Amino acid sequence: MITALVLFGLAALGGLVLAGIRVSGRPYPPLPLALVHGGAAAAGLTALIIAIAKGGTPDLAKVSLALFLGAAIGGFILLSHHLRKHALPIWLVVVHASVAIVALVLLLTTVL
């Protein structure tokens, strides 16, 4: 779970930059940065799924996984907007980030 935590932490840093770019007025951030952010989050999700599949993980980790999966759905919708060159809806950026932050805090609580 520590690997997942580190990967999600890196994804969160990238997400802060992406959200900052969007809120500053640009309709969408640079695609390479968005792809790195998504890749780190996907790797974190994979690591967390593997950790949970091995068994013996607290229920809080499973709640974190469910929330990260929800955030991933939001991320795919944002990527869809991005690829179609549509402005990213700020409300969706905020919801995506909020769900991911709650999931990250729950995972951090579980690891500590």
PDB file of N, CA and C in Angstrom:
ATOM      1  N   MET A   1       0.815  -1.192   0.000  1.00  0.00           N
ATOM      2  CA  MET A   1       0.000   0.000   0.000  1.00  0.00           C
ATOM      3  C   MET A   1       0.864   1.263   0.000  1.00  0.00           C
ATOM      4  N   ILE A   2       2.090   1.140   0.445  1.00  0.00           N
ATOM      5  CA  ILE A   2       2.967   2.309   0.443  1.00  0.00           C
ATOM      6  C   ILE A   2       3.275   2.730  -0.991  1.00  0.00           C
ATOM      7  N   THR A   3       3.475   1.769  -1.875  1.00  0.00           N
ATOM      8  CA  THR A   3       3.713   2.087  -3.290  1.00  0.00           C
ATOM      9  C   THR A   3       2.522   2.845  -3.866  1.00  0.00           C
ATOM     10  N   ALA A   4       1.333   2.376  -3.563  1.00  0.00           N
ATOM     11  CA  ALA A   4       0.118   3.053  -4.038  1.00  0.00           C
ATOM     12  C   ALA A   4       0.055   4.465  -3.481  1.00  0.00           C
ATOM     13  N   LEU A   5       0.383   4.625  -2.218  1.00  0.00           N
ATOM     14  CA  LEU A   5       0.350   5.941  -1.583  1.00  0.00           C
ATOM     15  C   LEU A   5       1.323   6.908  -2.257  1.00  0.00           C
ATOM     16  N   VAL A   6       2.525   6.436  -2.535  1.00  0.00           N
ATOM     17  CA  VAL A   6       3.523   7.287  -3.197  1.00  0.00           C
ATOM     18  C   VAL A   6       3.055   7.676  -4.600  1.00  0.00           C
ATOM     19  N   LEU A   7       2.545   6.712  -5.342  1.00  0.00           N
ATOM     20  CA  LEU A   7       2.066   6.996  -6.699  1.00  0.00           C
ATOM     21  C   LEU A   7       0.891   7.961  -6.697  1.00  0.00           C
ATOM     22  N   PHE A   8      -0.049   7.767  -5.777  1.00  0.00           N
ATOM     23  CA  PHE A   8      -1.173   8.690  -5.685  1.00  0.00           C
ATOM     24  C   PHE A   8      -0.709  10.077  -5.219  1.00  0.00           C
ATOM     25  N   GLY A   9       0.298  10.108  -4.366  1.00  0.00           N
ATOM     26  CA  GLY A   9       0.857  11.400  -3.943  1.00  0.00           C
ATOM     27  C   GLY A   9       1.450  12.157  -5.114  1.00  0.00           C
ATOM     28  N   LEU A  10       2.179  11.453  -5.968  1.00  0.00           N
ATOM     29  CA  LEU A  10       2.742  12.087  -7.172  1.00  0.00           C
ATOM     30  C   LEU A  10       1.630  12.545  -8.115  1.00  0.00           C
ATOM     31  N   ALA A  11       0.613  11.710  -8.256  1.00  0.00           N
ATOM     32  CA  ALA A  11      -0.528  12.090  -9.101  1.00  0.00           C
ATOM     33  C   ALA A  11      -1.216  13.326  -8.535  1.00  0.00           C
ATOM     34  N   ALA A  12      -1.303  13.416  -7.218  1.00  0.00           N
ATOM     35  CA  ALA A  12      -1.939  14.577  -6.582  1.00  0.00           C
ATOM     36  C   ALA A  12      -1.151  15.857  -6.864  1.00  0.00           C
ATOM     37  N   LEU A  13       0.158  15.771  -6.826  1.00  0.00           N
ATOM     38  CA  LEU A  13       0.975  16.956  -7.135  1.00  0.00           C
ATOM     39  C   LEU A  13       0.728  17.418  -8.570  1.00  0.00           C
ATOM     40  N   GLY A  14       0.710  16.465  -9.480  1.00  0.00           N
ATOM     41  CA  GLY A  14       0.411  16.803 -10.873  1.00  0.00           C
ATOM     42  C   GLY A  14      -0.989  17.359 -11.020  1.00  0.00           C
ATOM     43  N   GLY A  15      -1.927  16.802 -10.277  1.00  0.00           N
ATOM     44  CA  GLY A  15      -3.300  17.265 -10.320  1.00  0.00           C
ATOM     45  C   GLY A  15      -3.443  18.699  -9.835  1.00  0.00           C
ATOM     46  N   LEU A  16      -2.674  19.055  -8.814  1.00  0.00           N
ATOM     47  CA  LEU A  16      -2.696  20.442  -8.339  1.00  0.00           C
ATOM     48  C   LEU A  16      -2.246  21.403  -9.427  1.00  0.00           C
ATOM     49  N   VAL A  17      -1.198  21.020 -10.140  1.00  0.00           N
ATOM     50  CA  VAL A  17      -0.712  21.859 -11.243  1.00  0.00           C
ATOM     51  C   VAL A  17      -1.767  21.950 -12.338  1.00  0.00           C
ATOM     52  N   LEU A  18      -2.356  20.821 -12.697  1.00  0.00           N
ATOM     53  CA  LEU A  18      -3.389  20.805 -13.740  1.00  0.00           C
ATOM     54  C   LEU A  18      -4.582  21.671 -13.351  1.00  0.00           C
ATOM     55  N   ALA A  19      -5.044  21.526 -12.124  1.00  0.00           N
ATOM     56  CA  ALA A  19      -6.196  22.314 -11.663  1.00  0.00           C
ATOM     57  C   ALA A  19      -5.846  23.801 -11.642  1.00  0.00           C
ATOM     58  N   GLY A  20      -4.634  24.114 -11.224  1.00  0.00           N
ATOM     59  CA  GLY A  20      -4.203  25.514 -11.212  1.00  0.00           C
ATOM     60  C   GLY A  20      -4.206  26.124 -12.603  1.00  0.00           C
ATOM     61  N   ILE A  21      -3.759  25.355 -13.573  1.00  0.00           N
ATOM     62  CA  ILE A  21      -3.749  25.829 -14.958  1.00  0.00           C
ATOM     63  C   ILE A  21      -5.180  26.077 -15.430  1.00  0.00           C
ATOM     64  N   ARG A  22      -6.084  25.155 -15.116  1.00  0.00           N
ATOM     65  CA  ARG A  22      -7.475  25.306 -15.573  1.00  0.00           C
ATOM     66  C   ARG A  22      -8.158  26.496 -14.897  1.00  0.00           C
ATOM     67  N   VAL A  23      -7.958  26.636 -13.597  1.00  0.00           N
ATOM     68  CA  VAL A  23      -8.602  27.719 -12.855  1.00  0.00           C
ATOM     69  C   VAL A  23      -8.029  29.085 -13.255  1.00  0.00           C
ATOM     70  N   SER A  24      -6.793  29.092 -13.735  1.00  0.00           N
ATOM     71  CA  SER A  24      -6.182  30.362 -14.147  1.00  0.00           C
ATOM     72  C   SER A  24      -6.771  30.899 -15.444  1.00  0.00           C
ATOM     73  N   GLY A  25      -7.614  30.131 -16.095  1.00  0.00           N
ATOM     74  CA  GLY A  25      -8.289  30.639 -17.283  1.00  0.00           C
ATOM     75  C   GLY A  25      -8.034  29.864 -18.557  1.00  0.00           C
ATOM     76  N   ARG A  26      -7.031  29.017 -18.568  1.00  0.00           N
ATOM     77  CA  ARG A  26      -6.806  28.201 -19.771  1.00  0.00           C
ATOM     78  C   ARG A  26      -7.873  27.122 -19.854  1.00  0.00           C
ATOM     79  N   PRO A  27      -8.410  26.850 -21.041  1.00  0.00           N
ATOM     80  CA  PRO A  27      -9.508  25.882 -21.149  1.00  0.00           C
ATOM     81  C   PRO A  27      -9.085  24.452 -20.833  1.00  0.00           C
ATOM     82  N   TYR A  28      -7.826  24.136 -21.081  1.00  0.00           N
ATOM     83  CA  TYR A  28      -7.315  22.819 -20.737  1.00  0.00           C
ATOM     84  C   TYR A  28      -5.795  22.908 -20.638  1.00  0.00           C
ATOM     85  N   PRO A  29      -5.200  22.092 -19.764  1.00  0.00           N
ATOM     86  CA  PRO A  29      -3.747  22.114 -19.560  1.00  0.00           C
ATOM     87  C   PRO A  29      -3.029  21.327 -20.653  1.00  0.00           C
ATOM     88  N   PRO A  30      -1.701  21.339 -20.639  1.00  0.00           N
ATOM     89  CA  PRO A  30      -0.944  20.562 -21.630  1.00  0.00           C
ATOM     90  C   PRO A  30      -1.265  19.062 -21.515  1.00  0.00           C
ATOM     91  N   LEU A  31      -1.513  18.453 -22.652  1.00  0.00           N
ATOM     92  CA  LEU A  31      -1.881  17.031 -22.672  1.00  0.00           C
ATOM     93  C   LEU A  31      -0.801  16.132 -22.065  1.00  0.00           C
ATOM     94  N   PRO A  32       0.491  16.351 -22.339  1.00  0.00           N
ATOM     95  CA  PRO A  32       1.492  15.455 -21.726  1.00  0.00           C
ATOM     96  C   PRO A  32       1.421  15.441 -20.198  1.00  0.00           C
ATOM     97  N   LEU A  33       1.194  16.595 -19.602  1.00  0.00           N
ATOM     98  CA  LEU A  33       1.087  16.649 -18.142  1.00  0.00           C
ATOM     99  C   LEU A  33      -0.150  15.885 -17.668  1.00  0.00           C
ATOM    100  N   ALA A  34      -1.247  16.035 -18.389  1.00  0.00           N
ATOM    101  CA  ALA A  34      -2.476  15.312 -18.044  1.00  0.00           C
ATOM    102  C   ALA A  34      -2.255  13.799 -18.148  1.00  0.00           C
ATOM    103  N   LEU A  35      -1.517  13.370 -19.166  1.00  0.00           N
ATOM    104  CA  LEU A  35      -1.265  11.932 -19.341  1.00  0.00           C
ATOM    105  C   LEU A  35      -0.352  11.380 -18.257  1.00  0.00           C
ATOM    106  N   VAL A  36       0.647  12.151 -17.844  1.00  0.00           N
ATOM    107  CA  VAL A  36       1.532  11.703 -16.756  1.00  0.00           C
ATOM    108  C   VAL A  36       0.735  11.598 -15.458  1.00  0.00           C
ATOM    109  N   HIS A  37      -0.116  12.603 -15.207  1.00  0.00           N
ATOM    110  CA  HIS A  37      -0.985  12.585 -14.018  1.00  0.00           C
ATOM    111  C   HIS A  37      -1.865  11.331 -14.024  1.00  0.00           C
ATOM    112  N   GLY A  38      -2.506  11.066 -15.136  1.00  0.00           N
ATOM    113  CA  GLY A  38      -3.374   9.894 -15.244  1.00  0.00           C
ATOM    114  C   GLY A  38      -2.597   8.596 -15.137  1.00  0.00           C
ATOM    115  N   GLY A  39      -1.410   8.568 -15.710  1.00  0.00           N
ATOM    116  CA  GLY A  39      -0.586   7.361 -15.631  1.00  0.00           C
ATOM    117  C   GLY A  39      -0.150   7.050 -14.211  1.00  0.00           C
ATOM    118  N   ALA A  40       0.240   8.079 -13.469  1.00  0.00           N
ATOM    119  CA  ALA A  40       0.628   7.872 -12.067  1.00  0.00           C
ATOM    120  C   ALA A  40      -0.568   7.393 -11.248  1.00  0.00           C
ATOM    121  N   ALA A  41      -1.734   7.996 -11.501  1.00  0.00           N
ATOM    122  CA  ALA A  41      -2.937   7.585 -10.778  1.00  0.00           C
ATOM    123  C   ALA A  41      -3.324   6.145 -11.139  1.00  0.00           C
ATOM    124  N   ALA A  42      -3.217   5.788 -12.414  1.00  0.00           N
ATOM    125  CA  ALA A  42      -3.545   4.426 -12.843  1.00  0.00           C
ATOM    126  C   ALA A  42      -2.585   3.419 -12.214  1.00  0.00           C
ATOM    127  N   ALA A  43      -1.309   3.762 -12.138  1.00  0.00           N
ATOM    128  CA  ALA A  43      -0.337   2.876 -11.494  1.00  0.00           C
ATOM    129  C   ALA A  43      -0.647   2.734 -10.005  1.00  0.00           C
ATOM    130  N   GLY A  44      -1.037   3.843  -9.365  1.00  0.00           N
ATOM    131  CA  GLY A  44      -1.417   3.795  -7.953  1.00  0.00           C
ATOM    132  C   GLY A  44      -2.646   2.928  -7.742  1.00  0.00           C
ATOM    133  N   LEU A  45      -3.598   3.066  -8.640  1.00  0.00           N
ATOM    134  CA  LEU A  45      -4.822   2.258  -8.568  1.00  0.00           C
ATOM    135  C   LEU A  45      -4.491   0.777  -8.704  1.00  0.00           C
ATOM    136  N   THR A  46      -3.612   0.456  -9.641  1.00  0.00           N
ATOM    137  CA  THR A  46      -3.193  -0.936  -9.841  1.00  0.00           C
ATOM    138  C   THR A  46      -2.501  -1.475  -8.588  1.00  0.00           C
ATOM    139  N   ALA A  47      -1.604  -0.688  -8.025  1.00  0.00           N
ATOM    140  CA  ALA A  47      -0.890  -1.118  -6.823  1.00  0.00           C
ATOM    141  C   ALA A  47      -1.847  -1.331  -5.655  1.00  0.00           C
ATOM    142  N   LEU A  48      -2.842  -0.455  -5.535  1.00  0.00           N
ATOM    143  CA  LEU A  48      -3.803  -0.592  -4.446  1.00  0.00           C
ATOM    144  C   LEU A  48      -4.686  -1.825  -4.649  1.00  0.00           C
ATOM    145  N   ILE A  49      -5.098  -2.072  -5.862  1.00  0.00           N
ATOM    146  CA  ILE A  49      -5.906  -3.268  -6.151  1.00  0.00           C
ATOM    147  C   ILE A  49      -5.121  -4.530  -5.818  1.00  0.00           C
ATOM    148  N   ILE A  50      -3.858  -4.563  -6.182  1.00  0.00           N
ATOM    149  CA  ILE A  50      -3.021  -5.732  -5.886  1.00  0.00           C
ATOM    150  C   ILE A  50      -2.880  -5.921  -4.375  1.00  0.00           C
ATOM    151  N   ALA A  51      -2.650  -4.821  -3.655  1.00  0.00           N
ATOM    152  CA  ALA A  51      -2.508  -4.913  -2.196  1.00  0.00           C
ATOM    153  C   ALA A  51      -3.783  -5.443  -1.550  1.00  0.00           C
ATOM    154  N   ILE A  52      -4.926  -4.968  -2.023  1.00  0.00           N
ATOM    155  CA  ILE A  52      -6.197  -5.416  -1.449  1.00  0.00           C
ATOM    156  C   ILE A  52      -6.490  -6.862  -1.838  1.00  0.00           C
ATOM    157  N   ALA A  53      -6.127  -7.238  -3.060  1.00  0.00           N
ATOM    158  CA  ALA A  53      -6.377  -8.609  -3.526  1.00  0.00           C
ATOM    159  C   ALA A  53      -5.569  -9.634  -2.729  1.00  0.00           C
ATOM    160  N   LYS A  54      -4.428  -9.225  -2.203  1.00  0.00           N
ATOM    161  CA  LYS A  54      -3.612 -10.132  -1.396  1.00  0.00           C
ATOM    162  C   LYS A  54      -4.280 -10.454  -0.064  1.00  0.00           C
ATOM    163  N   GLY A  55      -5.208  -9.597   0.340  1.00  0.00           N
ATOM    164  CA  GLY A  55      -5.949  -9.841   1.577  1.00  0.00           C
ATOM    165  C   GLY A  55      -5.315  -9.202   2.783  1.00  0.00           C
ATOM    166  N   GLY A  56      -6.099  -9.152   3.835  1.00  0.00           N
ATOM    167  CA  GLY A  56      -5.607  -8.628   5.100  1.00  0.00           C
ATOM    168  C   GLY A  56      -5.538  -7.111   5.173  1.00  0.00           C
ATOM    169  N   THR A  57      -6.157  -6.436   4.232  1.00  0.00           N
ATOM    170  CA  THR A  57      -6.125  -4.979   4.270  1.00  0.00           C
ATOM    171  C   THR A  57      -7.343  -4.460   5.040  1.00  0.00           C
ATOM    172  N   PRO A  58      -7.167  -3.343   5.721  1.00  0.00           N
ATOM    173  CA  PRO A  58      -8.295  -2.767   6.465  1.00  0.00           C
ATOM    174  C   PRO A  58      -9.416  -2.316   5.533  1.00  0.00           C
ATOM    175  N   ASP A  59     -10.611  -2.249   6.085  1.00  0.00           N
ATOM    176  CA  ASP A  59     -11.766  -1.810   5.298  1.00  0.00           C
ATOM    177  C   ASP A  59     -11.583  -0.388   4.772  1.00  0.00           C
ATOM    178  N   LEU A  60     -10.867   0.437   5.511  1.00  0.00           N
ATOM    179  CA  LEU A  60     -10.629   1.812   5.081  1.00  0.00           C
ATOM    180  C   LEU A  60      -9.887   1.863   3.748  1.00  0.00           C
ATOM    181  N   ALA A  61      -9.003   0.898   3.514  1.00  0.00           N
ATOM    182  CA  ALA A  61      -8.293   0.824   2.231  1.00  0.00           C
ATOM    183  C   ALA A  61      -9.272   0.501   1.109  1.00  0.00           C
ATOM    184  N   LYS A  62     -10.265  -0.309   1.399  1.00  0.00           N
ATOM    185  CA  LYS A  62     -11.269  -0.661   0.390  1.00  0.00           C
ATOM    186  C   LYS A  62     -12.162   0.534   0.074  1.00  0.00           C
ATOM    187  N   VAL A  63     -12.474   1.330   1.075  1.00  0.00           N
ATOM    188  CA  VAL A  63     -13.242   2.558   0.849  1.00  0.00           C
ATOM    189  C   VAL A  63     -12.413   3.518  -0.004  1.00  0.00           C
ATOM    190  N   SER A  64     -11.134   3.612   0.304  1.00  0.00           N
ATOM    191  CA  SER A  64     -10.230   4.456  -0.478  1.00  0.00           C
ATOM    192  C   SER A  64     -10.208   3.999  -1.932  1.00  0.00           C
ATOM    193  N   LEU A  65     -10.142   2.706  -2.154  1.00  0.00           N
ATOM    194  CA  LEU A  65     -10.158   2.162  -3.513  1.00  0.00           C
ATOM    195  C   LEU A  65     -11.437   2.557  -4.246  1.00  0.00           C
ATOM    196  N   ALA A  66     -12.570   2.418  -3.576  1.00  0.00           N
ATOM    197  CA  ALA A  66     -13.846   2.771  -4.203  1.00  0.00           C
ATOM    198  C   ALA A  66     -13.864   4.247  -4.591  1.00  0.00           C
ATOM    199  N   LEU A  67     -13.356   5.092  -3.716  1.00  0.00           N
ATOM    200  CA  LEU A  67     -13.320   6.527  -4.025  1.00  0.00           C
ATOM    201  C   LEU A  67     -12.348   6.823  -5.169  1.00  0.00           C
ATOM    202  N   PHE A  68     -11.198   6.168  -5.171  1.00  0.00           N
ATOM    203  CA  PHE A  68     -10.248   6.367  -6.274  1.00  0.00           C
ATOM    204  C   PHE A  68     -10.859   5.912  -7.605  1.00  0.00           C
ATOM    205  N   LEU A  69     -11.649   4.839  -7.575  1.00  0.00           N
ATOM    206  CA  LEU A  69     -12.317   4.399  -8.801  1.00  0.00           C
ATOM    207  C   LEU A  69     -13.314   5.457  -9.278  1.00  0.00           C
ATOM    208  N   GLY A  70     -14.020   6.076  -8.341  1.00  0.00           N
ATOM    209  CA  GLY A  70     -14.919   7.168  -8.695  1.00  0.00           C
ATOM    210  C   GLY A  70     -14.163   8.354  -9.279  1.00  0.00           C
ATOM    211  N   ALA A  71     -13.036   8.682  -8.671  1.00  0.00           N
ATOM    212  CA  ALA A  71     -12.212   9.774  -9.189  1.00  0.00           C
ATOM    213  C   ALA A  71     -11.688   9.433 -10.583  1.00  0.00           C
ATOM    214  N   ALA A  72     -11.382   8.170 -10.811  1.00  0.00           N
ATOM    215  CA  ALA A  72     -10.899   7.746 -12.129  1.00  0.00           C
ATOM    216  C   ALA A  72     -11.964   7.955 -13.195  1.00  0.00           C
ATOM    217  N   ILE A  73     -13.206   7.691 -12.857  1.00  0.00           N
ATOM    218  CA  ILE A  73     -14.292   7.935 -13.820  1.00  0.00           C
ATOM    219  C   ILE A  73     -14.325   9.418 -14.183  1.00  0.00           C
ATOM    220  N   GLY A  74     -14.238  10.269 -13.167  1.00  0.00           N
ATOM    221  CA  GLY A  74     -14.182  11.706 -13.427  1.00  0.00           C
ATOM    222  C   GLY A  74     -12.984  12.077 -14.275  1.00  0.00           C
ATOM    223  N   GLY A  75     -11.861  11.431 -14.027  1.00  0.00           N
ATOM    224  CA  GLY A  75     -10.655  11.690 -14.814  1.00  0.00           C
ATOM    225  C   GLY A  75     -10.820  11.307 -16.275  1.00  0.00           C
ATOM    226  N   PHE A  76     -11.488  10.185 -16.516  1.00  0.00           N
ATOM    227  CA  PHE A  76     -11.739   9.778 -17.906  1.00  0.00           C
ATOM    228  C   PHE A  76     -12.653  10.770 -18.617  1.00  0.00           C
ATOM    229  N   ILE A  77     -13.643  11.281 -17.902  1.00  0.00           N
ATOM    230  CA  ILE A  77     -14.535  12.281 -18.499  1.00  0.00           C
ATOM    231  C   ILE A  77     -13.753  13.556 -18.812  1.00  0.00           C
ATOM    232  N   LEU A  78     -12.880  13.964 -17.900  1.00  0.00           N
ATOM    233  CA  LEU A  78     -12.049  15.149 -18.146  1.00  0.00           C
ATOM    234  C   LEU A  78     -11.121  14.920 -19.343  1.00  0.00           C
ATOM    235  N   LEU A  79     -10.533  13.739 -19.426  1.00  0.00           N
ATOM    236  CA  LEU A  79      -9.672  13.427 -20.565  1.00  0.00           C
ATOM    237  C   LEU A  79     -10.456  13.473 -21.869  1.00  0.00           C
ATOM    238  N   SER A  80     -11.683  12.997 -21.842  1.00  0.00           N
ATOM    239  CA  SER A  80     -12.536  13.051 -23.028  1.00  0.00           C
ATOM    240  C   SER A  80     -12.749  14.490 -23.485  1.00  0.00           C
ATOM    241  N   HIS A  81     -13.033  15.374 -22.543  1.00  0.00           N
ATOM    242  CA  HIS A  81     -13.166  16.797 -22.877  1.00  0.00           C
ATOM    243  C   HIS A  81     -11.871  17.327 -23.477  1.00  0.00           C
ATOM    244  N   HIS A  82     -10.776  16.956 -22.832  1.00  0.00           N
ATOM    245  CA  HIS A  82      -9.460  17.436 -23.260  1.00  0.00           C
ATOM    246  C   HIS A  82      -9.157  17.008 -24.698  1.00  0.00           C
ATOM    247  N   LEU A  83      -9.365  15.737 -24.998  1.00  0.00           N
ATOM    248  CA  LEU A  83      -9.046  15.209 -26.326  1.00  0.00           C
ATOM    249  C   LEU A  83      -9.929  15.826 -27.417  1.00  0.00           C
ATOM    250  N   ARG A  84     -11.135  16.237 -27.033  1.00  0.00           N
ATOM    251  CA  ARG A  84     -12.037  16.877 -27.998  1.00  0.00           C
ATOM    252  C   ARG A  84     -11.838  18.390 -28.043  1.00  0.00           C
ATOM    253  N   LYS A  85     -10.823  18.866 -27.301  1.00  0.00           N
ATOM    254  CA  LYS A  85     -10.505  20.298 -27.248  1.00  0.00           C
ATOM    255  C   LYS A  85     -11.666  21.126 -26.703  1.00  0.00           C
ATOM    256  N   HIS A  86     -12.414  20.547 -25.763  1.00  0.00           N
ATOM    257  CA  HIS A  86     -13.479  21.271 -25.067  1.00  0.00           C
ATOM    258  C   HIS A  86     -12.925  21.740 -23.730  1.00  0.00           C
ATOM    259  N   ALA A  87     -13.346  22.901 -23.309  1.00  0.00           N
ATOM    260  CA  ALA A  87     -12.903  23.418 -22.013  1.00  0.00           C
ATOM    261  C   ALA A  87     -13.311  22.435 -20.910  1.00  0.00           C
ATOM    262  N   LEU A  88     -12.389  22.183 -20.000  1.00  0.00           N
ATOM    263  CA  LEU A  88     -12.687  21.285 -18.888  1.00  0.00           C
ATOM    264  C   LEU A  88     -13.647  21.988 -17.936  1.00  0.00           C
ATOM    265  N   PRO A  89     -14.778  21.359 -17.610  1.00  0.00           N
ATOM    266  CA  PRO A  89     -15.714  21.988 -16.672  1.00  0.00           C
ATOM    267  C   PRO A  89     -15.064  22.139 -15.288  1.00  0.00           C
ATOM    268  N   ILE A  90     -15.003  23.346 -14.801  1.00  0.00           N
ATOM    269  CA  ILE A  90     -14.334  23.583 -13.519  1.00  0.00           C
ATOM    270  C   ILE A  90     -15.028  22.810 -12.400  1.00  0.00           C
ATOM    271  N   TRP A  91     -16.346  22.707 -12.448  1.00  0.00           N
ATOM    272  CA  TRP A  91     -17.053  21.968 -11.394  1.00  0.00           C
ATOM    273  C   TRP A  91     -16.598  20.515 -11.377  1.00  0.00           C
ATOM    274  N   LEU A  92     -16.340  19.931 -12.553  1.00  0.00           N
ATOM    275  CA  LEU A  92     -15.909  18.539 -12.603  1.00  0.00           C
ATOM    276  C   LEU A  92     -14.468  18.398 -12.119  1.00  0.00           C
ATOM    277  N   VAL A  93     -13.639  19.377 -12.446  1.00  0.00           N
ATOM    278  CA  VAL A  93     -12.262  19.378 -11.934  1.00  0.00           C
ATOM    279  C   VAL A  93     -12.286  19.380 -10.404  1.00  0.00           C
ATOM    280  N   VAL A  94     -13.148  20.207  -9.820  1.00  0.00           N
ATOM    281  CA  VAL A  94     -13.242  20.316  -8.359  1.00  0.00           C
ATOM    282  C   VAL A  94     -13.770  19.019  -7.750  1.00  0.00           C
ATOM    283  N   VAL A  95     -14.804  18.432  -8.339  1.00  0.00           N
ATOM    284  CA  VAL A  95     -15.352  17.176  -7.809  1.00  0.00           C
ATOM    285  C   VAL A  95     -14.316  16.057  -7.925  1.00  0.00           C
ATOM    286  N   HIS A  96     -13.676  15.948  -9.086  1.00  0.00           N
ATOM    287  CA  HIS A  96     -12.640  14.927  -9.309  1.00  0.00           C
ATOM    288  C   HIS A  96     -11.534  15.052  -8.262  1.00  0.00           C
ATOM    289  N   ALA A  97     -11.063  16.270  -8.076  1.00  0.00           N
ATOM    290  CA  ALA A  97      -9.979  16.502  -7.113  1.00  0.00           C
ATOM    291  C   ALA A  97     -10.430  16.226  -5.685  1.00  0.00           C
ATOM    292  N   SER A  98     -11.625  16.644  -5.343  1.00  0.00           N
ATOM    293  CA  SER A  98     -12.121  16.463  -3.972  1.00  0.00           C
ATOM    294  C   SER A  98     -12.247  14.985  -3.617  1.00  0.00           C
ATOM    295  N   VAL A  99     -12.804  14.211  -4.521  1.00  0.00           N
ATOM    296  CA  VAL A  99     -12.957  12.771  -4.274  1.00  0.00           C
ATOM    297  C   VAL A  99     -11.576  12.120  -4.141  1.00  0.00           C
ATOM    298  N   ALA A 100     -10.656  12.501  -5.013  1.00  0.00           N
ATOM    299  CA  ALA A 100      -9.305  11.920  -4.965  1.00  0.00           C
ATOM    300  C   ALA A 100      -8.575  12.309  -3.682  1.00  0.00           C
ATOM    301  N   ILE A 101      -8.759  13.533  -3.222  1.00  0.00           N
ATOM    302  CA  ILE A 101      -8.096  13.974  -1.991  1.00  0.00           C
ATOM    303  C   ILE A 101      -8.638  13.206  -0.785  1.00  0.00           C
ATOM    304  N   VAL A 102      -9.942  13.031  -0.726  1.00  0.00           N
ATOM    305  CA  VAL A 102     -10.521  12.250   0.377  1.00  0.00           C
ATOM    306  C   VAL A 102      -9.978  10.825   0.338  1.00  0.00           C
ATOM    307  N   ALA A 103      -9.925  10.239  -0.846  1.00  0.00           N
ATOM    308  CA  ALA A 103      -9.388   8.877  -0.980  1.00  0.00           C
ATOM    309  C   ALA A 103      -7.928   8.816  -0.540  1.00  0.00           C
ATOM    310  N   LEU A 104      -7.151   9.835  -0.913  1.00  0.00           N
ATOM    311  CA  LEU A 104      -5.735   9.867  -0.528  1.00  0.00           C
ATOM    312  C   LEU A 104      -5.573   9.979   0.984  1.00  0.00           C
ATOM    313  N   VAL A 105      -6.375  10.814   1.614  1.00  0.00           N
ATOM    314  CA  VAL A 105      -6.305  10.956   3.076  1.00  0.00           C
ATOM    315  C   VAL A 105      -6.686   9.636   3.759  1.00  0.00           C
ATOM    316  N   LEU A 106      -7.712   8.971   3.238  1.00  0.00           N
ATOM    317  CA  LEU A 106      -8.094   7.668   3.826  1.00  0.00           C
ATOM    318  C   LEU A 106      -6.976   6.647   3.666  1.00  0.00           C
ATOM    319  N   LEU A 107      -6.336   6.636   2.503  1.00  0.00           N
ATOM    320  CA  LEU A 107      -5.231   5.702   2.285  1.00  0.00           C
ATOM    321  C   LEU A 107      -4.054   6.033   3.201  1.00  0.00           C
ATOM    322  N   LEU A 108      -3.774   7.313   3.337  1.00  0.00           N
ATOM    323  CA  LEU A 108      -2.686   7.732   4.234  1.00  0.00           C
ATOM    324  C   LEU A 108      -2.991   7.314   5.663  1.00  0.00           C
ATOM    325  N   THR A 109      -4.237   7.484   6.085  1.00  0.00           N
ATOM    326  CA  THR A 109      -4.658   7.070   7.425  1.00  0.00           C
ATOM    327  C   THR A 109      -4.474   5.564   7.602  1.00  0.00           C
ATOM    328  N   THR A 110      -4.791   4.819   6.566  1.00  0.00           N
ATOM    329  CA  THR A 110      -4.653   3.354   6.622  1.00  0.00           C
ATOM    330  C   THR A 110      -3.187   2.945   6.743  1.00  0.00           C
ATOM    331  N   VAL A 111      -2.331   3.593   5.972  1.00  0.00           N
ATOM    332  CA  VAL A 111      -0.908   3.226   5.981  1.00  0.00           C
ATOM    333  C   VAL A 111      -0.253   3.616   7.295  1.00  0.00           C
ATOM    334  N   LEU A 112      -0.632   4.758   7.834  1.00  0.00           N
ATOM    335  CA  LEU A 112      -0.040   5.200   9.089  1.00  0.00           C
ATOM    336  C   LEU A 112      -0.697   4.481  10.260  1.00  0.00           C
TER     337      LEU A 112
END
